[in-house]
Amino acid sequence: MFSKKEVHLIALSDLGDARDAVSRALSDAPADEAPGLRRAARILDELAERGGEPRVRWARGILERDGVDPVTHEVAAVRALRQELPGLSLLAATRLAREAKLAQQA
């Protein structure tokens, strides 16, 4: 009868677009700008390699910031995620905490 509305966490990433933009800029960059653009390209490549789903990266970031280890303190992890995003259901927060735990263990 009275159910909590689910808040869906959708995380979008423009990382591919950013990598393309830096590559285009590098192709016709003056010599003094090229080293900085190459460094930016390396940073973006590292982020892309690290990969993972953006919503799981978000959850891991929240848990790291709050000092909560989802492996040993799942309940605290769920609580931290729900406090960060009011309206996040218990089910969704539990799923995110478990995915963050799996990512951490990998």
N, C-alpha and C. Protein backbone atom coordinates (compact mmCIF):
# COMPACT_ATOMS: atom_id res chain seq x y z
N MET A 1 0.81 -1.18 0.00
CA MET A 1 0.00 0.00 0.00
C MET A 1 0.87 1.25 0.00
N PHE A 2 1.73 1.40 1.00
CA PHE A 2 2.61 2.56 1.05
C PHE A 2 4.02 2.07 0.76
N SER A 3 4.43 2.22 -0.46
CA SER A 3 5.77 1.76 -0.80
C SER A 3 6.65 2.95 -1.13
N LYS A 4 7.90 2.79 -0.83
CA LYS A 4 8.86 3.84 -1.10
C LYS A 4 9.15 3.89 -2.59
N LYS A 5 9.14 5.07 -3.13
CA LYS A 5 9.47 5.25 -4.53
C LYS A 5 10.96 4.97 -4.73
N GLU A 6 11.25 4.24 -5.77
CA GLU A 6 12.64 3.90 -6.09
C GLU A 6 13.30 5.08 -6.78
N VAL A 7 14.47 5.43 -6.34
CA VAL A 7 15.28 6.43 -7.02
C VAL A 7 16.33 5.68 -7.81
N HIS A 8 16.32 5.84 -9.09
CA HIS A 8 17.28 5.15 -9.94
C HIS A 8 18.52 6.03 -10.10
N LEU A 9 19.63 5.43 -9.91
CA LEU A 9 20.90 6.14 -10.05
C LEU A 9 21.43 5.87 -11.44
N ILE A 10 21.45 6.90 -12.25
CA ILE A 10 21.96 6.78 -13.61
C ILE A 10 23.20 7.65 -13.70
N ALA A 11 24.29 7.04 -14.01
CA ALA A 11 25.55 7.77 -14.13
C ALA A 11 26.02 7.67 -15.57
N LEU A 12 26.21 8.82 -16.17
CA LEU A 12 26.66 8.87 -17.55
C LEU A 12 28.12 9.29 -17.57
N SER A 13 28.82 8.85 -18.57
CA SER A 13 30.23 9.19 -18.69
C SER A 13 30.51 9.74 -20.08
N ASP A 14 31.19 10.88 -20.11
CA ASP A 14 31.61 11.48 -21.38
C ASP A 14 33.09 11.23 -21.61
N LEU A 15 33.63 10.20 -21.00
CA LEU A 15 35.05 9.93 -21.08
C LEU A 15 35.51 9.71 -22.51
N GLY A 16 34.73 8.97 -23.29
CA GLY A 16 35.10 8.74 -24.68
C GLY A 16 35.14 10.02 -25.48
N ASP A 17 34.17 10.89 -25.25
CA ASP A 17 34.15 12.19 -25.94
C ASP A 17 35.36 13.03 -25.54
N ALA A 18 35.70 13.00 -24.26
CA ALA A 18 36.85 13.77 -23.78
C ALA A 18 38.14 13.25 -24.42
N ARG A 19 38.28 11.94 -24.50
CA ARG A 19 39.48 11.36 -25.13
C ARG A 19 39.57 11.77 -26.59
N ASP A 20 38.44 11.74 -27.30
CA ASP A 20 38.43 12.15 -28.71
C ASP A 20 38.81 13.62 -28.86
N ALA A 21 38.27 14.47 -27.98
CA ALA A 21 38.56 15.91 -28.05
C ALA A 21 40.04 16.19 -27.81
N VAL A 22 40.62 15.51 -26.84
CA VAL A 22 42.05 15.72 -26.57
C VAL A 22 42.88 15.21 -27.74
N SER A 23 42.50 14.10 -28.33
CA SER A 23 43.24 13.57 -29.49
C SER A 23 43.17 14.54 -30.66
N ARG A 24 41.99 15.11 -30.91
CA ARG A 24 41.86 16.10 -32.00
C ARG A 24 42.71 17.32 -31.73
N ALA A 25 42.68 17.79 -30.49
CA ALA A 25 43.47 18.96 -30.13
C ALA A 25 44.96 18.68 -30.27
N LEU A 26 45.36 17.47 -29.95
CA LEU A 26 46.77 17.09 -30.04
C LEU A 26 47.24 17.03 -31.48
N SER A 27 46.35 16.65 -32.38
CA SER A 27 46.76 16.49 -33.78
C SER A 27 47.24 17.79 -34.42
N ASP A 28 46.73 18.93 -33.98
CA ASP A 28 47.18 20.21 -34.58
C ASP A 28 47.62 21.21 -33.52
N ALA A 29 48.10 20.70 -32.39
CA ALA A 29 48.53 21.57 -31.30
C ALA A 29 49.90 22.15 -31.57
N PRO A 30 50.11 23.39 -31.14
CA PRO A 30 51.45 23.96 -31.21
C PRO A 30 52.40 23.18 -30.29
N ALA A 31 53.67 23.26 -30.58
CA ALA A 31 54.68 22.49 -29.85
C ALA A 31 54.63 22.72 -28.34
N ASP A 32 54.33 23.92 -27.91
CA ASP A 32 54.33 24.20 -26.48
C ASP A 32 53.11 23.61 -25.76
N GLU A 33 52.03 23.30 -26.49
CA GLU A 33 50.84 22.72 -25.87
C GLU A 33 50.84 21.18 -25.92
N ALA A 34 51.61 20.61 -26.83
CA ALA A 34 51.60 19.17 -27.04
C ALA A 34 51.93 18.35 -25.78
N PRO A 35 52.96 18.71 -25.00
CA PRO A 35 53.25 17.89 -23.82
C PRO A 35 52.08 17.81 -22.83
N GLY A 36 51.41 18.92 -22.60
CA GLY A 36 50.27 18.93 -21.70
C GLY A 36 49.10 18.12 -22.23
N LEU A 37 48.88 18.19 -23.54
CA LEU A 37 47.80 17.41 -24.14
C LEU A 37 48.12 15.92 -24.12
N ARG A 38 49.40 15.56 -24.33
CA ARG A 38 49.77 14.15 -24.24
C ARG A 38 49.56 13.62 -22.82
N ARG A 39 49.88 14.45 -21.84
CA ARG A 39 49.67 14.05 -20.44
C ARG A 39 48.17 13.88 -20.17
N ALA A 40 47.37 14.81 -20.66
CA ALA A 40 45.92 14.71 -20.49
C ALA A 40 45.39 13.43 -21.15
N ALA A 41 45.92 13.11 -22.32
CA ALA A 41 45.49 11.89 -23.02
C ALA A 41 45.85 10.65 -22.20
N ARG A 42 47.04 10.63 -21.60
CA ARG A 42 47.44 9.49 -20.76
C ARG A 42 46.52 9.35 -19.55
N ILE A 43 46.18 10.48 -18.93
CA ILE A 43 45.29 10.44 -17.76
C ILE A 43 43.93 9.88 -18.15
N LEU A 44 43.39 10.34 -19.27
CA LEU A 44 42.09 9.86 -19.73
C LEU A 44 42.15 8.38 -20.11
N ASP A 45 43.27 7.96 -20.70
CA ASP A 45 43.43 6.54 -21.03
C ASP A 45 43.46 5.68 -19.77
N GLU A 46 44.15 6.16 -18.74
CA GLU A 46 44.20 5.43 -17.47
C GLU A 46 42.82 5.30 -16.85
N LEU A 47 42.06 6.39 -16.91
CA LEU A 47 40.69 6.33 -16.37
C LEU A 47 39.84 5.33 -17.14
N ALA A 48 40.00 5.30 -18.45
CA ALA A 48 39.22 4.37 -19.28
C ALA A 48 39.62 2.93 -18.97
N GLU A 49 40.91 2.69 -18.74
CA GLU A 49 41.38 1.34 -18.43
C GLU A 49 40.85 0.88 -17.07
N ARG A 50 40.79 1.82 -16.13
CA ARG A 50 40.28 1.48 -14.80
C ARG A 50 38.83 1.06 -14.91
N GLY A 51 38.13 1.73 -15.81
CA GLY A 51 36.77 1.36 -16.18
C GLY A 51 35.84 1.11 -15.02
N GLY A 52 34.99 0.13 -15.23
CA GLY A 52 33.96 -0.15 -14.25
C GLY A 52 32.74 0.71 -14.51
N GLU A 53 31.67 0.29 -13.96
CA GLU A 53 30.43 1.00 -14.16
C GLU A 53 30.43 2.29 -13.34
N PRO A 54 30.01 3.41 -13.93
CA PRO A 54 30.05 4.69 -13.21
C PRO A 54 29.32 4.68 -11.87
N ARG A 55 28.18 3.98 -11.79
CA ARG A 55 27.44 4.00 -10.53
C ARG A 55 28.18 3.24 -9.44
N VAL A 56 28.93 2.21 -9.82
CA VAL A 56 29.73 1.47 -8.83
C VAL A 56 30.92 2.32 -8.42
N ARG A 57 31.52 3.04 -9.38
CA ARG A 57 32.62 3.95 -9.02
C ARG A 57 32.11 5.03 -8.07
N TRP A 58 30.88 5.52 -8.31
CA TRP A 58 30.29 6.51 -7.41
C TRP A 58 30.15 5.93 -6.00
N ALA A 59 29.60 4.73 -5.92
CA ALA A 59 29.41 4.10 -4.62
C ALA A 59 30.74 3.89 -3.91
N ARG A 60 31.72 3.41 -4.66
CA ARG A 60 33.04 3.19 -4.04
C ARG A 60 33.64 4.50 -3.54
N GLY A 61 33.44 5.57 -4.31
CA GLY A 61 33.95 6.88 -3.90
C GLY A 61 33.31 7.36 -2.60
N ILE A 62 32.00 7.17 -2.49
CA ILE A 62 31.30 7.56 -1.26
C ILE A 62 31.82 6.74 -0.08
N LEU A 63 31.95 5.45 -0.28
CA LEU A 63 32.39 4.58 0.81
C LEU A 63 33.84 4.88 1.20
N GLU A 64 34.69 5.14 0.23
CA GLU A 64 36.08 5.50 0.55
C GLU A 64 36.13 6.82 1.31
N ARG A 65 35.35 7.79 0.84
CA ARG A 65 35.31 9.10 1.51
C ARG A 65 34.87 8.97 2.96
N ASP A 66 33.87 8.11 3.19
CA ASP A 66 33.33 7.94 4.54
C ASP A 66 34.10 6.91 5.36
N GLY A 67 35.09 6.27 4.76
CA GLY A 67 35.90 5.30 5.48
C GLY A 67 35.15 4.02 5.83
N VAL A 68 34.23 3.62 4.96
CA VAL A 68 33.44 2.42 5.20
C VAL A 68 33.93 1.31 4.28
N ASP A 69 34.29 0.19 4.85
CA ASP A 69 34.73 -0.96 4.07
C ASP A 69 33.52 -1.84 3.78
N PRO A 70 33.07 -1.92 2.52
CA PRO A 70 31.88 -2.72 2.22
C PRO A 70 32.09 -4.22 2.41
N VAL A 71 33.33 -4.65 2.45
CA VAL A 71 33.61 -6.07 2.65
C VAL A 71 33.29 -6.48 4.09
N THR A 72 33.71 -5.67 5.04
CA THR A 72 33.52 -6.03 6.44
C THR A 72 32.33 -5.34 7.11
N HIS A 73 31.81 -4.28 6.50
CA HIS A 73 30.72 -3.52 7.11
C HIS A 73 29.63 -3.20 6.08
N GLU A 74 28.96 -4.24 5.61
CA GLU A 74 27.95 -4.04 4.57
C GLU A 74 26.79 -3.15 5.04
N VAL A 75 26.35 -3.32 6.25
CA VAL A 75 25.23 -2.51 6.75
C VAL A 75 25.61 -1.03 6.79
N ALA A 76 26.80 -0.73 7.26
CA ALA A 76 27.27 0.66 7.29
C ALA A 76 27.42 1.20 5.88
N ALA A 77 27.82 0.35 4.95
CA ALA A 77 27.95 0.78 3.55
C ALA A 77 26.59 1.14 2.97
N VAL A 78 25.61 0.32 3.24
CA VAL A 78 24.25 0.60 2.76
C VAL A 78 23.75 1.91 3.36
N ARG A 79 23.97 2.09 4.64
CA ARG A 79 23.54 3.31 5.32
C ARG A 79 24.22 4.55 4.72
N ALA A 80 25.53 4.45 4.47
CA ALA A 80 26.26 5.59 3.91
C ALA A 80 25.73 5.96 2.52
N LEU A 81 25.43 4.97 1.71
CA LEU A 81 24.91 5.25 0.37
C LEU A 81 23.53 5.88 0.44
N ARG A 82 22.70 5.40 1.33
CA ARG A 82 21.34 5.95 1.46
C ARG A 82 21.36 7.35 2.05
N GLN A 83 22.33 7.64 2.90
CA GLN A 83 22.45 8.99 3.43
C GLN A 83 22.93 9.96 2.35
N GLU A 84 23.80 9.47 1.48
CA GLU A 84 24.32 10.32 0.41
C GLU A 84 23.26 10.63 -0.63
N LEU A 85 22.38 9.67 -0.89
CA LEU A 85 21.35 9.85 -1.90
C LEU A 85 19.99 9.53 -1.28
N PRO A 86 19.39 10.51 -0.61
CA PRO A 86 18.08 10.27 0.00
C PRO A 86 17.08 9.79 -1.06
N GLY A 87 16.31 8.81 -0.69
CA GLY A 87 15.35 8.24 -1.63
C GLY A 87 15.84 6.96 -2.27
N LEU A 88 17.13 6.67 -2.12
CA LEU A 88 17.67 5.42 -2.63
C LEU A 88 17.08 4.28 -1.80
N SER A 89 16.47 3.34 -2.46
CA SER A 89 15.81 2.26 -1.72
C SER A 89 16.83 1.35 -1.04
N LEU A 90 16.35 0.62 -0.08
CA LEU A 90 17.19 -0.34 0.62
C LEU A 90 17.73 -1.38 -0.35
N LEU A 91 16.88 -1.84 -1.25
CA LEU A 91 17.29 -2.84 -2.24
C LEU A 91 18.40 -2.30 -3.15
N ALA A 92 18.21 -1.10 -3.67
CA ALA A 92 19.20 -0.51 -4.57
C ALA A 92 20.51 -0.24 -3.84
N ALA A 93 20.44 0.26 -2.62
CA ALA A 93 21.64 0.54 -1.85
C ALA A 93 22.39 -0.74 -1.51
N THR A 94 21.64 -1.78 -1.18
CA THR A 94 22.27 -3.07 -0.88
C THR A 94 22.97 -3.61 -2.11
N ARG A 95 22.32 -3.52 -3.25
CA ARG A 95 22.92 -3.99 -4.50
C ARG A 95 24.20 -3.21 -4.81
N LEU A 96 24.15 -1.88 -4.65
CA LEU A 96 25.34 -1.06 -4.90
C LEU A 96 26.47 -1.40 -3.93
N ALA A 97 26.14 -1.59 -2.68
CA ALA A 97 27.17 -1.93 -1.68
C ALA A 97 27.82 -3.27 -2.02
N ARG A 98 27.01 -4.21 -2.45
CA ARG A 98 27.57 -5.52 -2.80
C ARG A 98 28.42 -5.45 -4.07
N GLU A 99 28.00 -4.65 -5.03
CA GLU A 99 28.81 -4.47 -6.25
C GLU A 99 30.11 -3.77 -5.91
N ALA A 100 30.05 -2.79 -5.02
CA ALA A 100 31.28 -2.11 -4.58
C ALA A 100 32.20 -3.09 -3.88
N LYS A 101 31.62 -3.99 -3.09
CA LYS A 101 32.41 -5.01 -2.39
C LYS A 101 33.10 -5.92 -3.38
N LEU A 102 32.36 -6.37 -4.38
CA LEU A 102 32.94 -7.25 -5.41
C LEU A 102 34.06 -6.55 -6.18
N ALA A 103 33.83 -5.29 -6.50
CA ALA A 103 34.85 -4.52 -7.22
C ALA A 103 36.10 -4.35 -6.38
N GLN A 104 35.91 -4.16 -5.08
CA GLN A 104 37.06 -3.99 -4.18
C GLN A 104 37.83 -5.29 -4.04
N GLN A 105 37.14 -6.40 -4.05
CA GLN A 105 37.80 -7.69 -3.89
C GLN A 105 38.49 -8.15 -5.16
N ALA A 106 38.11 -7.57 -6.28
CA ALA A 106 38.70 -7.99 -7.57
C ALA A 106 40.11 -7.49 -7.73
